[in-house]
């Protein structure tokens, strides 16, 4: 039973940036699911939402830390790619 939950919301400058980050972290949703926590991922336009459910507060904190780190790495990678011109098609509307 998952008795604890949190929703993490991230806003991006465009739907394309949100999609890029979503695609980068979506691969991990099934890989990181276990008996103590599970995560859902949704994108609506330029907003990305992660719903995390956990059996206990320790698992909830660990899942939050993991997902925030994964999103941060995806955002940093996208920013580097944009600065170097590799990902312009993801950033231009």
PDB file of N, CA and C in Angstrom:
ATOM      1  N   UNK A   1       0.842  -1.185   0.000  1.00  0.00           N
ATOM      2  CA  UNK A   1       0.000   0.000   0.000  1.00  0.00           C
ATOM      3  C   UNK A   1       0.890   1.253   0.000  1.00  0.00           C
ATOM      4  N   UNK A   2       0.588   2.155  -0.884  1.00  0.00           N
ATOM      5  CA  UNK A   2       1.331   3.406  -0.989  1.00  0.00           C
ATOM      6  C   UNK A   2       0.598   4.478  -0.179  1.00  0.00           C
ATOM      7  N   UNK A   3       1.150   4.821   0.974  1.00  0.00           N
ATOM      8  CA  UNK A   3       0.462   5.746   1.874  1.00  0.00           C
ATOM      9  C   UNK A   3       1.006   7.172   1.825  1.00  0.00           C
ATOM     10  N   UNK A   4       2.074   7.398   1.064  1.00  0.00           N
ATOM     11  CA  UNK A   4       2.659   8.736   0.948  1.00  0.00           C
ATOM     12  C   UNK A   4       2.782   9.096  -0.524  1.00  0.00           C
ATOM     13  N   UNK A   5       2.555  10.359  -0.842  1.00  0.00           N
ATOM     14  CA  UNK A   5       2.699  10.768  -2.244  1.00  0.00           C
ATOM     15  C   UNK A   5       3.116  12.230  -2.336  1.00  0.00           C
ATOM     16  N   UNK A   6       3.686  12.555  -3.475  1.00  0.00           N
ATOM     17  CA  UNK A   6       4.092  13.923  -3.774  1.00  0.00           C
ATOM     18  C   UNK A   6       3.970  14.126  -5.282  1.00  0.00           C
ATOM     19  N   UNK A   7       3.698  15.358  -5.665  1.00  0.00           N
ATOM     20  CA  UNK A   7       3.644  15.716  -7.077  1.00  0.00           C
ATOM     21  C   UNK A   7       4.717  16.773  -7.331  1.00  0.00           C
ATOM     22  N   UNK A   8       5.573  16.492  -8.306  1.00  0.00           N
ATOM     23  CA  UNK A   8       6.616  17.433  -8.706  1.00  0.00           C
ATOM     24  C   UNK A   8       6.230  18.006 -10.059  1.00  0.00           C
ATOM     25  N   UNK A   9       6.215  19.320 -10.168  1.00  0.00           N
ATOM     26  CA  UNK A   9       5.840  19.973 -11.419  1.00  0.00           C
ATOM     27  C   UNK A   9       6.995  20.825 -11.917  1.00  0.00           C
ATOM     28  N   UNK A  10       7.251  20.708 -13.214  1.00  0.00           N
ATOM     29  CA  UNK A  10       8.333  21.451 -13.857  1.00  0.00           C
ATOM     30  C   UNK A  10       7.753  22.191 -15.053  1.00  0.00           C
ATOM     31  N   UNK A  11       8.103  23.459 -15.209  1.00  0.00           N
ATOM     32  CA  UNK A  11       7.635  24.265 -16.341  1.00  0.00           C
ATOM     33  C   UNK A  11       8.833  24.614 -17.216  1.00  0.00           C
ATOM     34  N   UNK A  12       8.624  24.580 -18.533  1.00  0.00           N
ATOM     35  CA  UNK A  12       9.685  24.843 -19.500  1.00  0.00           C
ATOM     36  C   UNK A  12       9.269  25.963 -20.450  1.00  0.00           C
ATOM     37  N   UNK A  13      10.239  26.544 -21.143  1.00  0.00           N
ATOM     38  CA  UNK A  13       9.915  27.672 -22.011  1.00  0.00           C
ATOM     39  C   UNK A  13       9.058  27.298 -23.221  1.00  0.00           C
ATOM     40  N   UNK A  14       9.045  26.020 -23.583  1.00  0.00           N
ATOM     41  CA  UNK A  14       8.232  25.597 -24.735  1.00  0.00           C
ATOM     42  C   UNK A  14       7.838  24.133 -24.570  1.00  0.00           C
ATOM     43  N   UNK A  15       6.792  23.708 -25.277  1.00  0.00           N
ATOM     44  CA  UNK A  15       6.408  22.293 -25.250  1.00  0.00           C
ATOM     45  C   UNK A  15       7.521  21.376 -25.761  1.00  0.00           C
ATOM     46  N   UNK A  16       8.318  21.858 -26.685  1.00  0.00           N
ATOM     47  CA  UNK A  16       9.399  21.029 -27.217  1.00  0.00           C
ATOM     48  C   UNK A  16      10.469  20.747 -26.173  1.00  0.00           C
ATOM     49  N   UNK A  17      10.785  21.719 -25.376  1.00  0.00           N
ATOM     50  CA  UNK A  17      11.763  21.508 -24.300  1.00  0.00           C
ATOM     51  C   UNK A  17      11.190  20.523 -23.290  1.00  0.00           C
ATOM     52  N   UNK A  18       9.921  20.695 -22.936  1.00  0.00           N
ATOM     53  CA  UNK A  18       9.271  19.771 -22.000  1.00  0.00           C
ATOM     54  C   UNK A  18       9.287  18.351 -22.554  1.00  0.00           C
ATOM     55  N   UNK A  19       9.019  18.204 -23.841  1.00  0.00           N
ATOM     56  CA  UNK A  19       9.028  16.878 -24.460  1.00  0.00           C
ATOM     57  C   UNK A  19      10.416  16.263 -24.430  1.00  0.00           C
ATOM     58  N   UNK A  20      11.431  17.062 -24.675  1.00  0.00           N
ATOM     59  CA  UNK A  20      12.805  16.576 -24.654  1.00  0.00           C
ATOM     60  C   UNK A  20      13.175  16.034 -23.273  1.00  0.00           C
ATOM     61  N   UNK A  21      12.839  16.772 -22.236  1.00  0.00           N
ATOM     62  CA  UNK A  21      13.121  16.318 -20.869  1.00  0.00           C
ATOM     63  C   UNK A  21      12.277  15.084 -20.548  1.00  0.00           C
ATOM     64  N   UNK A  22      11.020  15.102 -20.953  1.00  0.00           N
ATOM     65  CA  UNK A  22      10.144  13.951 -20.725  1.00  0.00           C
ATOM     66  C   UNK A  22      10.726  12.693 -21.352  1.00  0.00           C
ATOM     67  N   UNK A  23      11.150  12.789 -22.596  1.00  0.00           N
ATOM     68  CA  UNK A  23      11.704  11.626 -23.286  1.00  0.00           C
ATOM     69  C   UNK A  23      12.974  11.120 -22.612  1.00  0.00           C
ATOM     70  N   UNK A  24      13.753  12.035 -22.061  1.00  0.00           N
ATOM     71  CA  UNK A  24      15.000  11.643 -21.404  1.00  0.00           C
ATOM     72  C   UNK A  24      14.748  10.876 -20.110  1.00  0.00           C
ATOM     73  N   UNK A  25      13.725  11.251 -19.358  1.00  0.00           N
ATOM     74  CA  UNK A  25      13.492  10.602 -18.068  1.00  0.00           C
ATOM     75  C   UNK A  25      12.446   9.488 -18.128  1.00  0.00           C
ATOM     76  N   UNK A  26      11.643   9.444 -19.186  1.00  0.00           N
ATOM     77  CA  UNK A  26      10.571   8.448 -19.285  1.00  0.00           C
ATOM     78  C   UNK A  26      11.097   7.020 -19.253  1.00  0.00           C
ATOM     79  N   UNK A  27      12.266   6.820 -19.778  1.00  0.00           N
ATOM     80  CA  UNK A  27      12.837   5.473 -19.801  1.00  0.00           C
ATOM     81  C   UNK A  27      13.046   4.912 -18.402  1.00  0.00           C
ATOM     82  N   UNK A  28      13.150   5.780 -17.422  1.00  0.00           N
ATOM     83  CA  UNK A  28      13.450   5.342 -16.055  1.00  0.00           C
ATOM     84  C   UNK A  28      12.211   4.994 -15.236  1.00  0.00           C
ATOM     85  N   UNK A  29      11.018   5.340 -15.697  1.00  0.00           N
ATOM     86  CA  UNK A  29       9.833   5.121 -14.860  1.00  0.00           C
ATOM     87  C   UNK A  29       9.642   3.647 -14.511  1.00  0.00           C
ATOM     88  N   UNK A  30       9.760   2.762 -15.475  1.00  0.00           N
ATOM     89  CA  UNK A  30       9.603   1.332 -15.189  1.00  0.00           C
ATOM     90  C   UNK A  30      10.834   0.772 -14.492  1.00  0.00           C
ATOM     91  N   UNK A  31      11.998   1.253 -14.869  1.00  0.00           N
ATOM     92  CA  UNK A  31      13.239   0.732 -14.300  1.00  0.00           C
ATOM     93  C   UNK A  31      13.364   1.033 -12.815  1.00  0.00           C
ATOM     94  N   UNK A  32      12.815   2.140 -12.359  1.00  0.00           N
ATOM     95  CA  UNK A  32      12.962   2.540 -10.960  1.00  0.00           C
ATOM     96  C   UNK A  32      11.780   2.131 -10.080  1.00  0.00           C
ATOM     97  N   UNK A  33      10.755   1.544 -10.670  1.00  0.00           N
ATOM     98  CA  UNK A  33       9.600   1.129  -9.876  1.00  0.00           C
ATOM     99  C   UNK A  33       9.962  -0.116  -9.070  1.00  0.00           C
ATOM    100  N   UNK A  34       9.575  -0.108  -7.807  1.00  0.00           N
ATOM    101  CA  UNK A  34       9.836  -1.269  -6.956  1.00  0.00           C
ATOM    102  C   UNK A  34       8.681  -1.446  -5.976  1.00  0.00           C
ATOM    103  N   UNK A  35       8.877  -2.290  -4.992  1.00  0.00           N
ATOM    104  CA  UNK A  35       7.817  -2.562  -4.022  1.00  0.00           C
ATOM    105  C   UNK A  35       7.527  -1.376  -3.113  1.00  0.00           C
ATOM    106  N   UNK A  36       8.475  -0.427  -3.014  1.00  0.00           N
ATOM    107  CA  UNK A  36       8.326   0.671  -2.069  1.00  0.00           C
ATOM    108  C   UNK A  36       7.895   1.983  -2.715  1.00  0.00           C
ATOM    109  N   UNK A  37       8.053   2.123  -4.029  1.00  0.00           N
ATOM    110  CA  UNK A  37       7.640   3.374  -4.678  1.00  0.00           C
ATOM    111  C   UNK A  37       7.316   3.140  -6.142  1.00  0.00           C
ATOM    112  N   UNK A  38       6.524   4.048  -6.666  1.00  0.00           N
ATOM    113  CA  UNK A  38       6.221   4.049  -8.098  1.00  0.00           C
ATOM    114  C   UNK A  38       6.012   5.490  -8.535  1.00  0.00           C
ATOM    115  N   UNK A  39       6.235   5.716  -9.827  1.00  0.00           N
ATOM    116  CA  UNK A  39       6.189   7.078 -10.357  1.00  0.00           C
ATOM    117  C   UNK A  39       5.413   7.108 -11.663  1.00  0.00           C
ATOM    118  N   UNK A  40       4.608   8.150 -11.825  1.00  0.00           N
ATOM    119  CA  UNK A  40       3.940   8.393 -13.097  1.00  0.00           C
ATOM    120  C   UNK A  40       4.500   9.686 -13.682  1.00  0.00           C
ATOM    121  N   UNK A  41       4.473   9.767 -14.987  1.00  0.00           N
ATOM    122  CA  UNK A  41       5.026  10.919 -15.695  1.00  0.00           C
ATOM    123  C   UNK A  41       3.987  11.393 -16.701  1.00  0.00           C
ATOM    124  N   UNK A  42       3.682  12.677 -16.674  1.00  0.00           N
ATOM    125  CA  UNK A  42       2.722  13.265 -17.608  1.00  0.00           C
ATOM    126  C   UNK A  42       3.260  14.593 -18.111  1.00  0.00           C
ATOM    127  N   UNK A  43       2.922  14.908 -19.359  1.00  0.00           N
ATOM    128  CA  UNK A  43       3.303  16.199 -19.924  1.00  0.00           C
ATOM    129  C   UNK A  43       2.078  16.830 -20.539  1.00  0.00           C
ATOM    130  N   UNK A  44       1.883  18.109 -20.237  1.00  0.00           N
ATOM    131  CA  UNK A  44       0.798  18.884 -20.824  1.00  0.00           C
ATOM    132  C   UNK A  44       1.413  20.176 -21.342  1.00  0.00           C
ATOM    133  N   UNK A  45       1.623  20.224 -22.630  1.00  0.00           N
ATOM    134  CA  UNK A  45       2.244  21.407 -23.208  1.00  0.00           C
ATOM    135  C   UNK A  45       3.651  21.589 -22.681  1.00  0.00           C
ATOM    136  N   UNK A  46       3.882  22.714 -22.038  1.00  0.00           N
ATOM    137  CA  UNK A  46       5.230  23.002 -21.544  1.00  0.00           C
ATOM    138  C   UNK A  46       5.428  22.598 -20.083  1.00  0.00           C
ATOM    139  N   UNK A  47       4.490  21.833 -19.529  1.00  0.00           N
ATOM    140  CA  UNK A  47       4.560  21.399 -18.126  1.00  0.00           C
ATOM    141  C   UNK A  47       4.763  19.888 -18.036  1.00  0.00           C
ATOM    142  N   UNK A  48       5.671  19.503 -17.174  1.00  0.00           N
ATOM    143  CA  UNK A  48       5.968  18.098 -16.916  1.00  0.00           C
ATOM    144  C   UNK A  48       5.616  17.827 -15.455  1.00  0.00           C
ATOM    145  N   UNK A  49       4.874  16.747 -15.216  1.00  0.00           N
ATOM    146  CA  UNK A  49       4.440  16.412 -13.862  1.00  0.00           C
ATOM    147  C   UNK A  49       4.862  14.990 -13.524  1.00  0.00           C
ATOM    148  N   UNK A  50       5.511  14.849 -12.378  1.00  0.00           N
ATOM    149  CA  UNK A  50       5.878  13.543 -11.851  1.00  0.00           C
ATOM    150  C   UNK A  50       5.042  13.297 -10.602  1.00  0.00           C
ATOM    151  N   UNK A  51       4.340  12.182 -10.578  1.00  0.00           N
ATOM    152  CA  UNK A  51       3.589  11.781  -9.396  1.00  0.00           C
ATOM    153  C   UNK A  51       4.315  10.615  -8.748  1.00  0.00           C
ATOM    154  N   UNK A  52       4.711  10.782  -7.515  1.00  0.00           N
ATOM    155  CA  UNK A  52       5.467   9.748  -6.815  1.00  0.00           C
ATOM    156  C   UNK A  52       4.632   9.244  -5.646  1.00  0.00           C
ATOM    157  N   UNK A  53       4.511   7.928  -5.545  1.00  0.00           N
ATOM    158  CA  UNK A  53       3.828   7.292  -4.426  1.00  0.00           C
ATOM    159  C   UNK A  53       4.822   6.360  -3.748  1.00  0.00           C
ATOM    160  N   UNK A  54       4.768   6.293  -2.424  1.00  0.00           N
ATOM    161  CA  UNK A  54       5.694   5.452  -1.682  1.00  0.00           C
ATOM    162  C   UNK A  54       5.022   4.853  -0.452  1.00  0.00           C
ATOM    163  N   UNK A  55       5.609   3.764   0.002  1.00  0.00           N
ATOM    164  CA  UNK A  55       5.076   3.079   1.176  1.00  0.00           C
ATOM    165  C   UNK A  55       5.488   3.745   2.479  1.00  0.00           C
ATOM    166  N   UNK A  56       6.618   4.474   2.452  1.00  0.00           N
ATOM    167  CA  UNK A  56       7.107   5.116   3.670  1.00  0.00           C
ATOM    168  C   UNK A  56       7.862   6.392   3.294  1.00  0.00           C
ATOM    169  N   UNK A  57       8.138   7.211   4.294  1.00  0.00           N
ATOM    170  CA  UNK A  57       8.768   8.505   4.041  1.00  0.00           C
ATOM    171  C   UNK A  57      10.201   8.377   3.532  1.00  0.00           C
ATOM    172  N   UNK A  58      10.910   7.360   3.953  1.00  0.00           N
ATOM    173  CA  UNK A  58      12.276   7.161   3.467  1.00  0.00           C
ATOM    174  C   UNK A  58      12.272   6.858   1.977  1.00  0.00           C
ATOM    175  N   UNK A  59      11.373   6.002   1.549  1.00  0.00           N
ATOM    176  CA  UNK A  59      11.262   5.672   0.128  1.00  0.00           C
ATOM    177  C   UNK A  59      10.806   6.888  -0.677  1.00  0.00           C
ATOM    178  N   UNK A  60       9.908   7.691  -0.094  1.00  0.00           N
ATOM    179  CA  UNK A  60       9.433   8.896  -0.777  1.00  0.00           C
ATOM    180  C   UNK A  60      10.576   9.887  -0.981  1.00  0.00           C
ATOM    181  N   UNK A  61      11.356  10.108   0.071  1.00  0.00           N
ATOM    182  CA  UNK A  61      12.499  11.020  -0.030  1.00  0.00           C
ATOM    183  C   UNK A  61      13.511  10.516  -1.053  1.00  0.00           C
ATOM    184  N   UNK A  62      13.799   9.231  -1.032  1.00  0.00           N
ATOM    185  CA  UNK A  62      14.760   8.670  -1.981  1.00  0.00           C
ATOM    186  C   UNK A  62      14.262   8.817  -3.415  1.00  0.00           C
ATOM    187  N   UNK A  63      12.990   8.558  -3.638  1.00  0.00           N
ATOM    188  CA  UNK A  63      12.428   8.695  -4.981  1.00  0.00           C
ATOM    189  C   UNK A  63      12.450  10.154  -5.438  1.00  0.00           C
ATOM    190  N   UNK A  64      12.102  11.079  -4.558  1.00  0.00           N
ATOM    191  CA  UNK A  64      12.140  12.512  -4.903  1.00  0.00           C
ATOM    192  C   UNK A  64      13.556  12.939  -5.283  1.00  0.00           C
ATOM    193  N   UNK A  65      14.523  12.528  -4.487  1.00  0.00           N
ATOM    194  CA  UNK A  65      15.912  12.869  -4.793  1.00  0.00           C
ATOM    195  C   UNK A  65      16.343  12.297  -6.141  1.00  0.00           C
ATOM    196  N   UNK A  66      15.976  11.045  -6.394  1.00  0.00           N
ATOM    197  CA  UNK A  66      16.351  10.403  -7.659  1.00  0.00           C
ATOM    198  C   UNK A  66      15.736  11.127  -8.843  1.00  0.00           C
ATOM    199  N   UNK A  67      14.440  11.398  -8.775  1.00  0.00           N
ATOM    200  CA  UNK A  67      13.765  12.027  -9.909  1.00  0.00           C
ATOM    201  C   UNK A  67      14.214  13.464 -10.118  1.00  0.00           C
ATOM    202  N   UNK A  68      14.439  14.193  -9.051  1.00  0.00           N
ATOM    203  CA  UNK A  68      14.948  15.567  -9.218  1.00  0.00           C
ATOM    204  C   UNK A  68      16.321  15.555  -9.870  1.00  0.00           C
ATOM    205  N   UNK A  69      17.153  14.599  -9.503  1.00  0.00           N
ATOM    206  CA  UNK A  69      18.473  14.479 -10.126  1.00  0.00           C
ATOM    207  C   UNK A  69      18.357  14.117 -11.601  1.00  0.00           C
ATOM    208  N   UNK A  70      17.491  13.168 -11.931  1.00  0.00           N
ATOM    209  CA  UNK A  70      17.320  12.774 -13.332  1.00  0.00           C
ATOM    210  C   UNK A  70      16.810  13.927 -14.185  1.00  0.00           C
ATOM    211  N   UNK A  71      15.846  14.666 -13.675  1.00  0.00           N
ATOM    212  CA  UNK A  71      15.316  15.819 -14.413  1.00  0.00           C
ATOM    213  C   UNK A  71      16.404  16.881 -14.564  1.00  0.00           C
ATOM    214  N   UNK A  72      17.153  17.132 -13.515  1.00  0.00           N
ATOM    215  CA  UNK A  72      18.234  18.119 -13.567  1.00  0.00           C
ATOM    216  C   UNK A  72      19.270  17.748 -14.626  1.00  0.00           C
ATOM    217  N   UNK A  73      19.657  16.492 -14.679  1.00  0.00           N
ATOM    218  CA  UNK A  73      20.639  16.047 -15.679  1.00  0.00           C
ATOM    219  C   UNK A  73      20.069  16.206 -17.087  1.00  0.00           C
ATOM    220  N   UNK A  74      18.806  15.866 -17.272  1.00  0.00           N
ATOM    221  CA  UNK A  74      18.179  16.023 -18.595  1.00  0.00           C
ATOM    222  C   UNK A  74      18.135  17.495 -18.996  1.00  0.00           C
ATOM    223  N   UNK A  75      17.814  18.375 -18.047  1.00  0.00           N
ATOM    224  CA  UNK A  75      17.782  19.812 -18.342  1.00  0.00           C
ATOM    225  C   UNK A  75      19.173  20.336 -18.686  1.00  0.00           C
ATOM    226  N   UNK A  76      20.176  19.929 -17.932  1.00  0.00           N
ATOM    227  CA  UNK A  76      21.543  20.371 -18.203  1.00  0.00           C
ATOM    228  C   UNK A  76      22.032  19.862 -19.558  1.00  0.00           C
ATOM    229  N   UNK A  77      21.714  18.622 -19.871  1.00  0.00           N
ATOM    230  CA  UNK A  77      22.117  18.054 -21.165  1.00  0.00           C
ATOM    231  C   UNK A  77      21.465  18.802 -22.320  1.00  0.00           C
ATOM    232  N   UNK A  78      20.192  19.108 -22.160  1.00  0.00           N
ATOM    233  CA  UNK A  78      19.489  19.866 -23.193  1.00  0.00           C
ATOM    234  C   UNK A  78      20.089  21.249 -23.367  1.00  0.00           C
ATOM    235  N   UNK A  79      20.432  21.892 -22.254  1.00  0.00           N
ATOM    236  CA  UNK A  79      21.022  23.239 -22.320  1.00  0.00           C
ATOM    237  C   UNK A  79      22.379  23.207 -23.013  1.00  0.00           C
ATOM    238  N   UNK A  80      23.185  22.207 -22.726  1.00  0.00           N
ATOM    239  CA  UNK A  80      24.489  22.079 -23.385  1.00  0.00           C
ATOM    240  C   UNK A  80      24.299  21.836 -24.876  1.00  0.00           C
ATOM    241  N   UNK A  81      23.384  20.940 -25.209  1.00  0.00           N
ATOM    242  CA  UNK A  81      23.110  20.667 -26.619  1.00  0.00           C
ATOM    243  C   UNK A  81      22.624  21.898 -27.354  1.00  0.00           C
ATOM    244  N   UNK A  82      21.813  22.683 -26.691  1.00  0.00           N
ATOM    245  CA  UNK A  82      21.299  23.913 -27.309  1.00  0.00           C
ATOM    246  C   UNK A  82      22.436  24.912 -27.535  1.00  0.00           C
ATOM    247  N   UNK A  83      23.299  25.100 -26.509  1.00  0.00           N
ATOM    248  CA  UNK A  83      24.415  26.041 -26.646  1.00  0.00           C
ATOM    249  C   UNK A  83      25.352  25.637 -27.784  1.00  0.00           C
ATOM    250  N   UNK A  84      25.483  24.362 -27.999  1.00  0.00           N
ATOM    251  CA  UNK A  84      26.383  23.888 -29.062  1.00  0.00           C
ATOM    252  C   UNK A  84      25.670  23.741 -30.406  1.00  0.00           C
ATOM    253  N   UNK A  85      24.385  24.016 -30.431  1.00  0.00           N
ATOM    254  CA  UNK A  85      23.630  23.982 -31.674  1.00  0.00           C
ATOM    255  C   UNK A  85      23.152  22.605 -32.097  1.00  0.00           C
ATOM    256  N   UNK A  86      23.302  21.606 -31.229  1.00  0.00           N
ATOM    257  CA  UNK A  86      22.906  20.243 -31.593  1.00  0.00           C
ATOM    258  C   UNK A  86      21.410  20.012 -31.516  1.00  0.00           C
ATOM    259  N   UNK A  87      20.732  20.765 -30.677  1.00  0.00           N
ATOM    260  CA  UNK A  87      19.328  20.478 -30.409  1.00  0.00           C
ATOM    261  C   UNK A  87      18.406  21.628 -30.768  1.00  0.00           C
ATOM    262  N   UNK A  88      18.833  22.492 -31.676  1.00  0.00           N
ATOM    263  CA  UNK A  88      18.002  23.647 -32.009  1.00  0.00           C
ATOM    264  C   UNK A  88      16.609  23.250 -32.435  1.00  0.00           C
ATOM    265  N   UNK A  89      16.462  22.141 -33.145  1.00  0.00           N
ATOM    266  CA  UNK A  89      15.133  21.747 -33.599  1.00  0.00           C
ATOM    267  C   UNK A  89      14.194  21.404 -32.434  1.00  0.00           C
ATOM    268  N   UNK A  90      14.725  21.121 -31.266  1.00  0.00           N
ATOM    269  CA  UNK A  90      13.884  20.867 -30.099  1.00  0.00           C
ATOM    270  C   UNK A  90      13.462  22.150 -29.414  1.00  0.00           C
ATOM    271  N   UNK A  91      14.191  23.233 -29.629  1.00  0.00           N
ATOM    272  CA  UNK A  91      13.949  24.459 -28.877  1.00  0.00           C
ATOM    273  C   UNK A  91      13.211  25.514 -29.674  1.00  0.00           C
ATOM    274  N   UNK A  92      13.213  25.436 -30.960  1.00  0.00           N
ATOM    275  CA  UNK A  92      12.561  26.465 -31.777  1.00  0.00           C
ATOM    276  C   UNK A  92      11.139  26.055 -32.086  1.00  0.00           C
ATOM    277  N   UNK A  93      10.221  26.932 -31.815  1.00  0.00           N
ATOM    278  CA  UNK A  93       8.797  26.666 -32.090  1.00  0.00           C
ATOM    279  C   UNK A  93       8.485  26.876 -33.545  1.00  0.00           C
TER     280      UNK A  93
END
